[in-house]
Protein backbone atom coordinates (compact mmCIF):
# COMPACT_ATOMS: atom_id res chain seq x y z
CA UNK A 1 -99.74 5.98 79.25
CA UNK A 2 -96.69 6.34 77.12
CA UNK A 3 -93.16 6.36 78.39
CA UNK A 4 -90.73 9.00 76.99
CA UNK A 5 -87.07 7.97 76.76
CA UNK A 6 -84.57 10.70 75.79
CA UNK A 7 -81.58 9.81 73.60
CA UNK A 8 -78.20 9.83 75.35
CA UNK A 9 -75.76 8.12 73.05
CA UNK A 10 -77.36 8.63 69.67
CA UNK A 11 -78.01 11.95 67.94
CA UNK A 12 -81.19 11.45 65.91
CA UNK A 13 -84.22 9.35 65.21
CA UNK A 14 -82.65 7.34 62.40
CA UNK A 15 -79.68 6.25 64.49
CA UNK A 16 -81.94 5.41 67.47
CA UNK A 17 -84.35 3.40 65.35
CA UNK A 18 -81.52 1.45 63.68
CA UNK A 19 -79.86 0.66 66.98
CA UNK A 20 -83.03 -0.50 68.72
CA UNK A 21 -84.11 -2.44 65.65
CA UNK A 22 -80.89 -4.43 65.86
CA UNK A 23 -81.62 -5.24 69.55
CA UNK A 24 -85.40 -5.88 69.56
CA UNK A 25 -85.78 -9.13 67.70
CA UNK A 26 -87.95 -12.23 68.25
CA UNK A 27 -84.86 -13.97 69.62
CA UNK A 28 -84.36 -11.08 72.11
CA UNK A 29 -87.95 -11.37 73.40
CA UNK A 30 -87.48 -15.13 73.94
CA UNK A 31 -84.88 -14.32 76.56
CA UNK A 32 -87.79 -13.03 78.68
CA UNK A 33 -89.79 -16.23 77.96
CA UNK A 34 -92.20 -14.22 75.81
CA UNK A 35 -93.33 -15.33 72.38
CA UNK A 36 -93.79 -12.18 70.28
CA UNK A 37 -94.17 -11.07 66.67
CA UNK A 38 -91.99 -8.04 65.95
CA UNK A 39 -92.89 -5.72 63.06
CA UNK A 40 -90.68 -2.84 61.81
CA UNK A 41 -91.88 0.25 59.95
CA UNK A 42 -88.71 1.77 58.43
CA UNK A 43 -90.59 4.73 57.00
CA UNK A 44 -92.43 5.86 60.14
CA UNK A 45 -89.66 4.60 62.46
CA UNK A 46 -91.93 2.43 64.60
CA UNK A 47 -91.28 -1.00 66.14
CA UNK A 48 -94.32 -2.96 67.24
CA UNK A 49 -94.08 -6.16 69.25
CA UNK A 50 -97.27 -8.20 69.85
CA UNK A 51 -97.73 -11.32 71.92
CA UNK A 52 -100.25 -13.07 74.15
CA UNK A 53 -101.77 -10.32 76.22
CA UNK A 54 -99.59 -7.40 75.21
CA UNK A 55 -98.62 -4.93 72.51
CA UNK A 56 -95.48 -2.80 72.80
CA UNK A 57 -95.11 0.11 70.38
CA UNK A 58 -91.88 2.09 70.13
CA UNK A 59 -92.10 5.34 68.16
CA UNK A 60 -88.92 7.24 67.40
CA UNK A 61 -88.87 11.04 67.30
CA UNK A 62 -86.09 13.63 66.86
CA UNK A 63 -84.82 13.56 70.42
CA UNK A 64 -86.68 10.74 72.20
CA UNK A 65 -88.40 7.40 71.87
CA UNK A 66 -91.95 6.90 73.05
CA UNK A 67 -92.85 3.45 74.41
CA UNK A 68 -96.50 2.52 74.73
CA UNK A 69 -97.51 -0.74 76.37
CA UNK A 70 -100.96 -2.22 76.18
CA UNK A 71 -101.60 -5.16 78.50
CA UNK A 72 -104.43 -7.64 78.99
CA UNK A 73 -106.37 -7.40 82.26
CA UNK A 74 -104.39 -10.27 83.75
CA UNK A 75 -101.05 -8.49 83.16
CA UNK A 76 -102.05 -4.92 84.05
CA UNK A 77 -100.95 -5.32 87.66
CA UNK A 78 -97.40 -5.78 86.39
CA UNK A 79 -97.45 -2.74 84.04
CA UNK A 80 -95.16 -0.47 86.11
CA UNK A 81 -92.61 -3.24 86.63
CA UNK A 82 -92.65 -4.13 82.91
CA UNK A 83 -92.34 -0.44 81.87
CA UNK A 84 -89.39 0.05 84.20
CA UNK A 85 -87.64 -2.96 82.63
CA UNK A 86 -88.39 -1.67 79.11
CA UNK A 87 -87.11 1.83 80.04
CA UNK A 88 -83.91 0.38 81.44
CA UNK A 89 -83.24 -1.78 78.38
CA UNK A 90 -83.97 1.01 75.83
CA UNK A 91 -82.10 3.72 77.78
CA UNK A 92 -79.03 1.48 77.88
CA UNK A 93 -79.00 1.39 74.02
CA UNK A 94 -79.97 4.99 73.31
């Protein structure tokens, strides 16, 4: 299940990608006590964060960002809570 987040403060995919790229960093994920590797694809406008038991993929389109979260079996019970937090954080920046 992917989460669709419409842009509110940015006008296009490039601006949205650049803004979120400046926010989603390994240091940022450490605030949530999560160790993650963050990879950026500047051509396809995709940010992928991978850690123990999860993979978060952010794909940027013309008018919205799509967030897809894959969780291990242990973390699946928390998926809706995690997605809500992700949506709040990304919406605040877009």
